[in-house]
Amino acid sequence: MRAEGHRPALVLVDSQFTSEGILDVPAAFPAGIVAEAHRAGALYLADEVQSGYGRSGLQLWRFLLAGITPDFVTLGKPMGAGYSITRREIADVLASRYEYVSTFAATPAAAAAGHSVLDILELTGLPAMAVNVGDYLRQRLSQVAAESPLLVRYVAPACSLASMFLAIG
């Protein structure tokens, strides 16, 4: 791109690489992607559709585990009842340049939907409960693996229930 006189506008990364098989990477990896994106003049979008809302640990957002601050975060339509959520200053720039940004962006209903989801997660303690259940499941599967190595050869140490892989012998 650079050789042709173009620069990237946006770098979009799944915060837990869930489309690639749910990979946990060192915190320095996403931090490096953000730094290089910004160095090149691009914005960074953290895709939290599959790993956000506490599904990858006690933090609500997977990108927090890497200590990064994205320019955009995608949360998925089910998370906000179909509403887009972004930082206010970015939404203002988009709204000033384009008549149509998203079907339901920046409405009181969008804010209410997003807040309701977050309220339920906080009131129920669901992210912490998921971590506890995941730890228990991982512990029990590890016991099965130790007792029956021909049945279960490996239990991944990742912090997401969805990332527990069993190698069946």
N, C-alpha and C. Protein backbone atom coordinates (compact mmCIF):
# COMPACT_ATOMS: atom_id res chain seq x y z
N MET A 1 0.83 -1.19 0.00
CA MET A 1 0.00 0.00 0.00
C MET A 1 0.87 1.25 0.00
N ARG A 2 1.87 1.24 0.85
CA ARG A 2 2.74 2.41 0.97
C ARG A 2 3.44 2.70 -0.35
N ALA A 3 3.87 1.66 -1.05
CA ALA A 3 4.57 1.83 -2.33
C ALA A 3 3.68 2.49 -3.37
N GLU A 4 2.38 2.31 -3.24
CA GLU A 4 1.42 2.90 -4.17
C GLU A 4 0.91 4.25 -3.69
N GLY A 5 1.43 4.73 -2.55
CA GLY A 5 1.02 6.03 -2.03
C GLY A 5 -0.23 5.99 -1.19
N HIS A 6 -0.60 4.81 -0.70
CA HIS A 6 -1.79 4.67 0.14
C HIS A 6 -1.38 4.38 1.57
N ARG A 7 -2.20 4.80 2.50
CA ARG A 7 -1.97 4.44 3.89
C ARG A 7 -3.23 3.77 4.42
N PRO A 8 -3.08 2.88 5.39
CA PRO A 8 -4.27 2.22 5.94
C PRO A 8 -5.12 3.22 6.74
N ALA A 9 -6.41 3.01 6.72
CA ALA A 9 -7.32 3.86 7.48
C ALA A 9 -7.70 3.20 8.80
N LEU A 10 -7.79 1.88 8.81
CA LEU A 10 -8.29 1.16 9.98
C LEU A 10 -7.65 -0.22 10.04
N VAL A 11 -7.27 -0.62 11.23
CA VAL A 11 -6.83 -1.98 11.48
C VAL A 11 -7.86 -2.60 12.42
N LEU A 12 -8.48 -3.69 11.98
CA LEU A 12 -9.52 -4.37 12.74
C LEU A 12 -8.96 -5.70 13.21
N VAL A 13 -8.99 -5.94 14.53
CA VAL A 13 -8.45 -7.18 15.08
C VAL A 13 -9.42 -7.75 16.09
N ASP A 14 -9.71 -9.03 15.96
CA ASP A 14 -10.48 -9.77 16.96
C ASP A 14 -9.62 -9.83 18.22
N SER A 15 -10.13 -9.34 19.32
CA SER A 15 -9.33 -9.22 20.55
C SER A 15 -8.82 -10.54 21.10
N GLN A 16 -9.46 -11.64 20.75
CA GLN A 16 -8.98 -12.94 21.21
C GLN A 16 -8.77 -13.90 20.05
N PHE A 17 -8.80 -13.39 18.85
CA PHE A 17 -8.57 -14.22 17.66
C PHE A 17 -9.50 -15.43 17.66
N THR A 18 -10.77 -15.20 17.96
CA THR A 18 -11.73 -16.29 18.07
C THR A 18 -12.08 -16.91 16.72
N SER A 19 -11.89 -16.19 15.65
CA SER A 19 -12.18 -16.75 14.33
C SER A 19 -11.05 -17.66 13.86
N GLU A 20 -9.91 -17.57 14.52
CA GLU A 20 -8.75 -18.36 14.13
C GLU A 20 -8.54 -19.56 15.05
N GLY A 21 -9.50 -19.85 15.90
CA GLY A 21 -9.39 -20.99 16.80
C GLY A 21 -9.24 -20.62 18.25
N ILE A 22 -9.52 -19.40 18.63
CA ILE A 22 -9.46 -18.88 19.99
C ILE A 22 -8.03 -19.00 20.54
N LEU A 23 -7.23 -18.04 20.16
CA LEU A 23 -5.83 -18.02 20.54
C LEU A 23 -5.58 -16.95 21.58
N ASP A 24 -4.85 -17.28 22.61
CA ASP A 24 -4.42 -16.29 23.59
C ASP A 24 -3.02 -15.85 23.18
N VAL A 25 -2.83 -14.56 23.11
CA VAL A 25 -1.54 -14.01 22.71
C VAL A 25 -1.00 -13.16 23.86
N PRO A 26 0.31 -12.97 23.92
CA PRO A 26 0.86 -12.09 24.95
C PRO A 26 0.35 -10.67 24.77
N ALA A 27 0.22 -9.93 25.87
CA ALA A 27 -0.30 -8.55 25.84
C ALA A 27 0.51 -7.67 24.90
N ALA A 28 1.79 -7.95 24.75
CA ALA A 28 2.63 -7.13 23.87
C ALA A 28 2.20 -7.23 22.41
N PHE A 29 1.58 -8.33 22.02
CA PHE A 29 1.19 -8.52 20.62
C PHE A 29 0.12 -7.51 20.18
N PRO A 30 -1.05 -7.44 20.87
CA PRO A 30 -2.03 -6.43 20.46
C PRO A 30 -1.52 -5.01 20.68
N ALA A 31 -0.71 -4.79 21.72
CA ALA A 31 -0.16 -3.45 21.94
C ALA A 31 0.72 -3.04 20.76
N GLY A 32 1.47 -3.98 20.22
CA GLY A 32 2.29 -3.71 19.05
C GLY A 32 1.46 -3.40 17.81
N ILE A 33 0.34 -4.12 17.66
CA ILE A 33 -0.55 -3.85 16.52
C ILE A 33 -1.11 -2.44 16.61
N VAL A 34 -1.56 -2.05 17.81
CA VAL A 34 -2.11 -0.70 18.00
C VAL A 34 -1.04 0.35 17.69
N ALA A 35 0.15 0.16 18.23
CA ALA A 35 1.23 1.13 18.01
C ALA A 35 1.56 1.27 16.53
N GLU A 36 1.64 0.16 15.83
CA GLU A 36 1.98 0.21 14.40
C GLU A 36 0.83 0.81 13.58
N ALA A 37 -0.40 0.50 13.96
CA ALA A 37 -1.55 1.09 13.27
C ALA A 37 -1.52 2.61 13.40
N HIS A 38 -1.34 3.08 14.62
CA HIS A 38 -1.31 4.53 14.85
C HIS A 38 -0.10 5.18 14.18
N ARG A 39 1.04 4.48 14.19
CA ARG A 39 2.24 5.02 13.53
C ARG A 39 1.99 5.21 12.03
N ALA A 40 1.19 4.30 11.45
CA ALA A 40 0.88 4.38 10.03
C ALA A 40 -0.28 5.34 9.74
N GLY A 41 -0.85 5.93 10.79
CA GLY A 41 -1.96 6.86 10.61
C GLY A 41 -3.32 6.21 10.59
N ALA A 42 -3.40 4.95 10.99
CA ALA A 42 -4.66 4.22 10.99
C ALA A 42 -5.29 4.21 12.38
N LEU A 43 -6.59 4.04 12.42
CA LEU A 43 -7.31 3.83 13.67
C LEU A 43 -7.28 2.34 13.99
N TYR A 44 -7.51 2.01 15.26
CA TYR A 44 -7.51 0.61 15.70
C TYR A 44 -8.90 0.24 16.19
N LEU A 45 -9.46 -0.84 15.67
CA LEU A 45 -10.77 -1.33 16.07
C LEU A 45 -10.59 -2.67 16.77
N ALA A 46 -11.03 -2.75 18.02
CA ALA A 46 -11.01 -4.00 18.77
C ALA A 46 -12.35 -4.69 18.58
N ASP A 47 -12.32 -5.86 17.97
CA ASP A 47 -13.53 -6.63 17.73
C ASP A 47 -13.80 -7.49 18.97
N GLU A 48 -14.81 -7.11 19.74
CA GLU A 48 -15.17 -7.80 20.98
C GLU A 48 -16.46 -8.60 20.82
N VAL A 49 -16.87 -8.87 19.57
CA VAL A 49 -18.14 -9.54 19.33
C VAL A 49 -18.20 -10.89 20.02
N GLN A 50 -17.11 -11.66 19.96
CA GLN A 50 -17.13 -12.99 20.56
C GLN A 50 -16.44 -13.06 21.91
N SER A 51 -15.54 -12.15 22.20
CA SER A 51 -14.77 -12.27 23.45
C SER A 51 -15.16 -11.23 24.50
N GLY A 52 -15.96 -10.25 24.14
CA GLY A 52 -16.33 -9.19 25.07
C GLY A 52 -17.43 -9.57 26.03
N TYR A 53 -17.82 -8.62 26.83
CA TYR A 53 -18.86 -8.79 27.84
C TYR A 53 -18.53 -9.90 28.83
N GLY A 54 -17.25 -9.97 29.22
CA GLY A 54 -16.84 -10.90 30.26
C GLY A 54 -16.69 -12.33 29.82
N ARG A 55 -16.74 -12.60 28.52
CA ARG A 55 -16.64 -13.99 28.07
C ARG A 55 -15.20 -14.50 28.01
N SER A 56 -14.24 -13.65 28.30
CA SER A 56 -12.85 -14.11 28.27
C SER A 56 -12.11 -13.79 29.56
N GLY A 57 -12.85 -13.62 30.63
CA GLY A 57 -12.22 -13.37 31.92
C GLY A 57 -12.99 -12.34 32.73
N LEU A 58 -12.42 -11.95 33.85
CA LEU A 58 -13.10 -11.01 34.74
C LEU A 58 -13.27 -9.63 34.14
N GLN A 59 -12.36 -9.22 33.28
CA GLN A 59 -12.51 -7.93 32.60
C GLN A 59 -13.67 -8.05 31.61
N LEU A 60 -14.48 -7.01 31.51
CA LEU A 60 -15.58 -7.06 30.54
C LEU A 60 -15.07 -7.12 29.11
N TRP A 61 -13.94 -6.50 28.87
CA TRP A 61 -13.44 -6.40 27.50
C TRP A 61 -12.07 -7.05 27.39
N ARG A 62 -11.90 -7.88 26.42
CA ARG A 62 -10.65 -8.61 26.22
C ARG A 62 -9.47 -7.66 25.99
N PHE A 63 -9.70 -6.54 25.31
CA PHE A 63 -8.60 -5.62 25.03
C PHE A 63 -8.01 -5.05 26.31
N LEU A 64 -8.79 -5.00 27.40
CA LEU A 64 -8.27 -4.49 28.67
C LEU A 64 -7.17 -5.38 29.22
N LEU A 65 -7.25 -6.67 28.95
CA LEU A 65 -6.21 -7.59 29.42
C LEU A 65 -4.86 -7.27 28.78
N ALA A 66 -4.90 -6.66 27.60
CA ALA A 66 -3.66 -6.28 26.92
C ALA A 66 -3.23 -4.86 27.27
N GLY A 67 -4.07 -4.15 28.03
CA GLY A 67 -3.72 -2.79 28.43
C GLY A 67 -3.76 -1.79 27.29
N ILE A 68 -4.60 -2.02 26.31
CA ILE A 68 -4.70 -1.10 25.17
C ILE A 68 -6.01 -0.34 25.20
N THR A 69 -6.04 0.80 24.50
CA THR A 69 -7.26 1.59 24.35
C THR A 69 -7.55 1.70 22.86
N PRO A 70 -8.56 0.99 22.38
CA PRO A 70 -8.89 1.05 20.97
C PRO A 70 -9.59 2.37 20.61
N ASP A 71 -9.56 2.70 19.33
CA ASP A 71 -10.30 3.86 18.83
C ASP A 71 -11.77 3.51 18.65
N PHE A 72 -12.02 2.28 18.26
CA PHE A 72 -13.37 1.75 18.10
C PHE A 72 -13.45 0.40 18.78
N VAL A 73 -14.65 0.02 19.19
CA VAL A 73 -14.91 -1.32 19.71
C VAL A 73 -16.20 -1.81 19.07
N THR A 74 -16.16 -3.00 18.50
CA THR A 74 -17.40 -3.60 18.01
C THR A 74 -17.87 -4.60 19.05
N LEU A 75 -19.16 -4.54 19.35
CA LEU A 75 -19.70 -5.38 20.41
C LEU A 75 -20.67 -6.43 19.90
N GLY A 76 -21.15 -6.30 18.72
CA GLY A 76 -22.09 -7.26 18.17
C GLY A 76 -23.51 -6.81 18.39
N LYS A 77 -24.34 -7.03 17.40
CA LYS A 77 -25.72 -6.58 17.49
C LYS A 77 -26.50 -7.17 18.65
N PRO A 78 -26.30 -8.44 19.02
CA PRO A 78 -27.05 -8.96 20.16
C PRO A 78 -26.69 -8.24 21.47
N MET A 79 -25.48 -7.73 21.56
CA MET A 79 -25.03 -7.10 22.80
C MET A 79 -25.74 -5.77 23.06
N GLY A 80 -26.05 -5.05 22.02
CA GLY A 80 -26.70 -3.75 22.20
C GLY A 80 -28.03 -3.68 21.49
N ALA A 81 -28.69 -4.80 21.32
CA ALA A 81 -29.99 -4.86 20.65
C ALA A 81 -29.93 -4.23 19.26
N GLY A 82 -28.81 -4.44 18.57
CA GLY A 82 -28.66 -3.94 17.20
C GLY A 82 -28.08 -2.55 17.09
N TYR A 83 -27.63 -1.99 18.17
CA TYR A 83 -27.15 -0.61 18.18
C TYR A 83 -25.63 -0.53 18.12
N SER A 84 -25.13 0.45 17.38
CA SER A 84 -23.70 0.70 17.32
C SER A 84 -23.26 1.49 18.53
N ILE A 85 -22.05 1.18 19.01
CA ILE A 85 -21.48 1.91 20.13
C ILE A 85 -20.05 2.27 19.77
N THR A 86 -19.68 3.51 19.94
CA THR A 86 -18.32 3.97 19.68
C THR A 86 -18.01 5.15 20.60
N ARG A 87 -16.80 5.64 20.52
CA ARG A 87 -16.45 6.83 21.31
C ARG A 87 -17.15 8.04 20.72
N ARG A 88 -17.60 8.95 21.58
CA ARG A 88 -18.39 10.11 21.18
C ARG A 88 -17.67 10.97 20.13
N GLU A 89 -16.38 11.24 20.32
CA GLU A 89 -15.69 12.13 19.38
C GLU A 89 -15.61 11.51 17.98
N ILE A 90 -15.55 10.20 17.89
CA ILE A 90 -15.52 9.56 16.57
C ILE A 90 -16.92 9.59 15.95
N ALA A 91 -17.93 9.33 16.76
CA ALA A 91 -19.31 9.39 16.25
C ALA A 91 -19.63 10.79 15.74
N ASP A 92 -19.15 11.83 16.45
CA ASP A 92 -19.40 13.22 16.01
C ASP A 92 -18.77 13.51 14.66
N VAL A 93 -17.53 13.04 14.46
CA VAL A 93 -16.86 13.26 13.17
C VAL A 93 -17.61 12.55 12.05
N LEU A 94 -17.99 11.29 12.30
CA LEU A 94 -18.73 10.54 11.27
C LEU A 94 -20.06 11.22 10.96
N ALA A 95 -20.77 11.66 11.99
CA ALA A 95 -22.07 12.29 11.78
C ALA A 95 -21.94 13.61 11.03
N SER A 96 -20.83 14.31 11.21
CA SER A 96 -20.65 15.59 10.51
C SER A 96 -20.33 15.40 9.03
N ARG A 97 -19.85 14.23 8.66
CA ARG A 97 -19.44 13.99 7.27
C ARG A 97 -20.43 13.15 6.47
N TYR A 98 -21.19 12.32 7.16
CA TYR A 98 -22.07 11.37 6.47
C TYR A 98 -23.49 11.48 7.01
N GLU A 99 -24.43 11.37 6.10
CA GLU A 99 -25.84 11.45 6.51
C GLU A 99 -26.26 10.18 7.24
N TYR A 100 -25.73 9.06 6.82
CA TYR A 100 -26.14 7.76 7.36
C TYR A 100 -24.91 7.02 7.86
N VAL A 101 -24.83 6.78 9.16
CA VAL A 101 -23.68 6.08 9.72
C VAL A 101 -24.08 4.66 10.13
N SER A 102 -25.16 4.52 10.88
CA SER A 102 -25.63 3.21 11.32
C SER A 102 -27.13 3.32 11.60
N THR A 103 -27.78 2.21 11.48
CA THR A 103 -29.22 2.21 11.61
C THR A 103 -29.72 2.85 12.90
N PHE A 104 -29.08 2.54 14.02
CA PHE A 104 -29.58 3.02 15.30
C PHE A 104 -28.54 3.79 16.12
N ALA A 105 -27.48 4.25 15.49
CA ALA A 105 -26.38 4.86 16.23
C ALA A 105 -26.81 6.15 16.92
N ALA A 106 -26.27 6.36 18.10
CA ALA A 106 -26.39 7.61 18.86
C ALA A 106 -27.82 8.01 19.18
N THR A 107 -28.66 7.07 19.55
CA THR A 107 -30.02 7.38 19.97
C THR A 107 -30.16 7.05 21.45
N PRO A 108 -31.14 7.65 22.13
CA PRO A 108 -31.39 7.28 23.52
C PRO A 108 -31.69 5.79 23.68
N ALA A 109 -32.36 5.20 22.70
CA ALA A 109 -32.66 3.77 22.77
C ALA A 109 -31.38 2.94 22.72
N ALA A 110 -30.39 3.37 21.90
CA ALA A 110 -29.12 2.65 21.83
C ALA A 110 -28.41 2.71 23.18
N ALA A 111 -28.41 3.89 23.78
CA ALA A 111 -27.76 4.03 25.09
C ALA A 111 -28.46 3.17 26.13
N ALA A 112 -29.79 3.15 26.11
CA ALA A 112 -30.54 2.35 27.08
C ALA A 112 -30.27 0.86 26.89
N ALA A 113 -30.19 0.41 25.64
CA ALA A 113 -29.92 -1.00 25.38
C ALA A 113 -28.54 -1.39 25.90
N GLY A 114 -27.55 -0.58 25.59
CA GLY A 114 -26.19 -0.87 26.05
C GLY A 114 -26.08 -0.85 27.57
N HIS A 115 -26.70 0.14 28.19
CA HIS A 115 -26.65 0.22 29.65
C HIS A 115 -27.38 -0.94 30.31
N SER A 116 -28.48 -1.37 29.72
CA SER A 116 -29.24 -2.48 30.29
C SER A 116 -28.41 -3.76 30.31
N VAL A 117 -27.71 -4.02 29.22
CA VAL A 117 -26.86 -5.21 29.16
C VAL A 117 -25.78 -5.13 30.23
N LEU A 118 -25.13 -3.99 30.34
CA LEU A 118 -24.07 -3.82 31.34
C LEU A 118 -24.63 -3.93 32.76
N ASP A 119 -25.82 -3.36 32.99
CA ASP A 119 -26.45 -3.46 34.31
C ASP A 119 -26.70 -4.91 34.71
N ILE A 120 -27.22 -5.68 33.78
CA ILE A 120 -27.52 -7.10 34.07
C ILE A 120 -26.23 -7.85 34.38
N LEU A 121 -25.17 -7.60 33.60
CA LEU A 121 -23.90 -8.27 33.87
C LEU A 121 -23.38 -7.92 35.26
N GLU A 122 -23.51 -6.67 35.65
CA GLU A 122 -23.04 -6.24 36.96
C GLU A 122 -23.93 -6.80 38.08
N LEU A 123 -25.23 -6.70 37.92
CA LEU A 123 -26.16 -7.15 38.95
C LEU A 123 -26.08 -8.65 39.20
N THR A 124 -25.88 -9.42 38.15
CA THR A 124 -25.85 -10.88 38.29
C THR A 124 -24.45 -11.41 38.58
N GLY A 125 -23.42 -10.59 38.36
CA GLY A 125 -22.05 -11.06 38.54
C GLY A 125 -21.69 -12.13 37.52
N LEU A 126 -22.32 -12.08 36.37
CA LEU A 126 -22.14 -13.13 35.36
C LEU A 126 -20.69 -13.32 34.90
N PRO A 127 -19.91 -12.25 34.64
CA PRO A 127 -18.52 -12.50 34.24
C PRO A 127 -17.72 -13.28 35.29
N ALA A 128 -17.87 -12.93 36.56
CA ALA A 128 -17.15 -13.65 37.62
C ALA A 128 -17.64 -15.09 37.73
N MET A 129 -18.95 -15.27 37.58
CA MET A 129 -19.51 -16.62 37.62
C MET A 129 -18.96 -17.46 36.47
N ALA A 130 -18.85 -16.87 35.30
CA ALA A 130 -18.31 -17.59 34.15
C ALA A 130 -16.86 -18.00 34.38
N VAL A 131 -16.08 -17.12 35.00
CA VAL A 131 -14.69 -17.47 35.32
C VAL A 131 -14.65 -18.63 36.30
N ASN A 132 -15.49 -18.59 37.32
CA ASN A 132 -15.52 -19.67 38.31
C ASN A 132 -15.94 -21.00 37.69
N VAL A 133 -16.98 -20.98 36.87
CA VAL A 133 -17.43 -22.21 36.21
C VAL A 133 -16.35 -22.71 35.25
N GLY A 134 -15.73 -21.79 34.52
CA GLY A 134 -14.66 -22.18 33.61
C GLY A 134 -13.48 -22.80 34.33
N ASP A 135 -13.10 -22.20 35.47
CA ASP A 135 -12.00 -22.75 36.26
C ASP A 135 -12.34 -24.16 36.76
N TYR A 136 -13.58 -24.33 37.23
CA TYR A 136 -14.01 -25.64 37.71
C TYR A 136 -14.00 -26.66 36.58
N LEU A 137 -14.55 -26.28 35.43
CA LEU A 137 -14.59 -27.19 34.29
C LEU A 137 -13.17 -27.55 33.84
N ARG A 138 -12.31 -26.56 33.77
CA ARG A 138 -10.92 -26.80 33.36
C ARG A 138 -10.22 -27.74 34.36
N GLN A 139 -10.46 -27.53 35.67
CA GLN A 139 -9.87 -28.38 36.70
C GLN A 139 -10.35 -29.82 36.55
N ARG A 140 -11.64 -30.00 36.39
CA ARG A 140 -12.20 -31.36 36.27
C ARG A 140 -11.73 -32.04 34.98
N LEU A 141 -11.68 -31.29 33.88
CA LEU A 141 -11.19 -31.88 32.62
C LEU A 141 -9.72 -32.24 32.73
N SER A 142 -8.95 -31.44 33.46
CA SER A 142 -7.53 -31.76 33.67
C SER A 142 -7.39 -33.04 34.49
N GLN A 143 -8.29 -33.24 35.46
CA GLN A 143 -8.28 -34.48 36.24
C GLN A 143 -8.59 -35.67 35.35
N VAL A 144 -9.57 -35.52 34.48
CA VAL A 144 -9.91 -36.60 33.55
C VAL A 144 -8.70 -36.88 32.65
N ALA A 145 -8.05 -35.83 32.18
CA ALA A 145 -6.88 -36.00 31.32
C ALA A 145 -5.76 -36.74 32.05
N ALA A 146 -5.57 -36.42 33.35
CA ALA A 146 -4.52 -37.08 34.14
C ALA A 146 -4.85 -38.55 34.38
N GLU A 147 -6.14 -38.83 34.59
CA GLU A 147 -6.56 -40.19 34.88
C GLU A 147 -6.73 -41.04 33.63
N SER A 148 -7.03 -40.41 32.51
CA SER A 148 -7.30 -41.13 31.27
C SER A 148 -6.58 -40.47 30.10
N PRO A 149 -5.24 -40.57 30.07
CA PRO A 149 -4.50 -39.87 29.01
C PRO A 149 -4.85 -40.36 27.61
N LEU A 150 -5.39 -41.56 27.49
CA LEU A 150 -5.79 -42.03 26.16
C LEU A 150 -7.09 -41.40 25.72
N LEU A 151 -7.89 -40.94 26.68
CA LEU A 151 -9.17 -40.31 26.36
C LEU A 151 -8.99 -38.82 26.10
N VAL A 152 -8.33 -38.13 27.02
CA VAL A 152 -8.13 -36.69 26.90
C VAL A 152 -6.64 -36.43 27.02
N ARG A 153 -6.03 -35.83 25.99
CA ARG A 153 -4.60 -35.58 26.03
C ARG A 153 -4.23 -34.17 26.43
N TYR A 154 -5.15 -33.18 26.25
CA TYR A 154 -4.76 -31.79 26.49
C TYR A 154 -5.98 -30.95 26.80
N VAL A 155 -5.87 -30.10 27.80
CA VAL A 155 -6.90 -29.11 28.12
C VAL A 155 -6.20 -27.76 28.08
N ALA A 156 -6.65 -26.88 27.20
CA ALA A 156 -6.00 -25.57 27.03
C ALA A 156 -6.13 -24.73 28.29
N PRO A 157 -5.10 -23.97 28.64
CA PRO A 157 -5.13 -23.14 29.84
C PRO A 157 -5.76 -21.77 29.63
N ALA A 158 -6.36 -21.51 28.49
CA ALA A 158 -6.91 -20.19 28.20
C ALA A 158 -8.02 -19.83 29.17
N CYS A 159 -8.36 -18.53 29.21
CA CYS A 159 -9.32 -18.06 30.21
C CYS A 159 -10.74 -17.99 29.68
N SER A 160 -11.04 -18.59 28.57
CA SER A 160 -12.40 -18.57 28.03
C SER A 160 -12.93 -19.98 27.97
N LEU A 161 -14.17 -20.17 28.41
CA LEU A 161 -14.77 -21.50 28.32
C LEU A 161 -14.72 -22.02 26.89
N ALA A 162 -14.96 -21.12 25.95
CA ALA A 162 -14.98 -21.53 24.55
C ALA A 162 -13.60 -21.96 24.08
N SER A 163 -12.55 -21.60 24.80
CA SER A 163 -11.21 -21.92 24.32
C SER A 163 -10.64 -23.15 24.98
N MET A 164 -11.45 -23.93 25.66
CA MET A 164 -10.96 -25.18 26.23
C MET A 164 -11.03 -26.26 25.15
N PHE A 165 -9.89 -26.62 24.68
CA PHE A 165 -9.82 -27.62 23.62
C PHE A 165 -9.43 -28.96 24.22
N LEU A 166 -10.11 -29.97 23.81
CA LEU A 166 -9.76 -31.32 24.23
C LEU A 166 -9.20 -32.05 23.04
N ALA A 167 -8.05 -32.64 23.24
CA ALA A 167 -7.50 -33.51 22.20
C ALA A 167 -7.93 -34.92 22.55
N ILE A 168 -8.85 -35.45 21.81
CA ILE A 168 -9.38 -36.78 22.09
C ILE A 168 -8.45 -37.81 21.46
N GLY A 169 -8.04 -38.77 22.29
CA GLY A 169 -7.04 -39.75 21.88
C GLY A 169 -7.53 -40.78 21.00
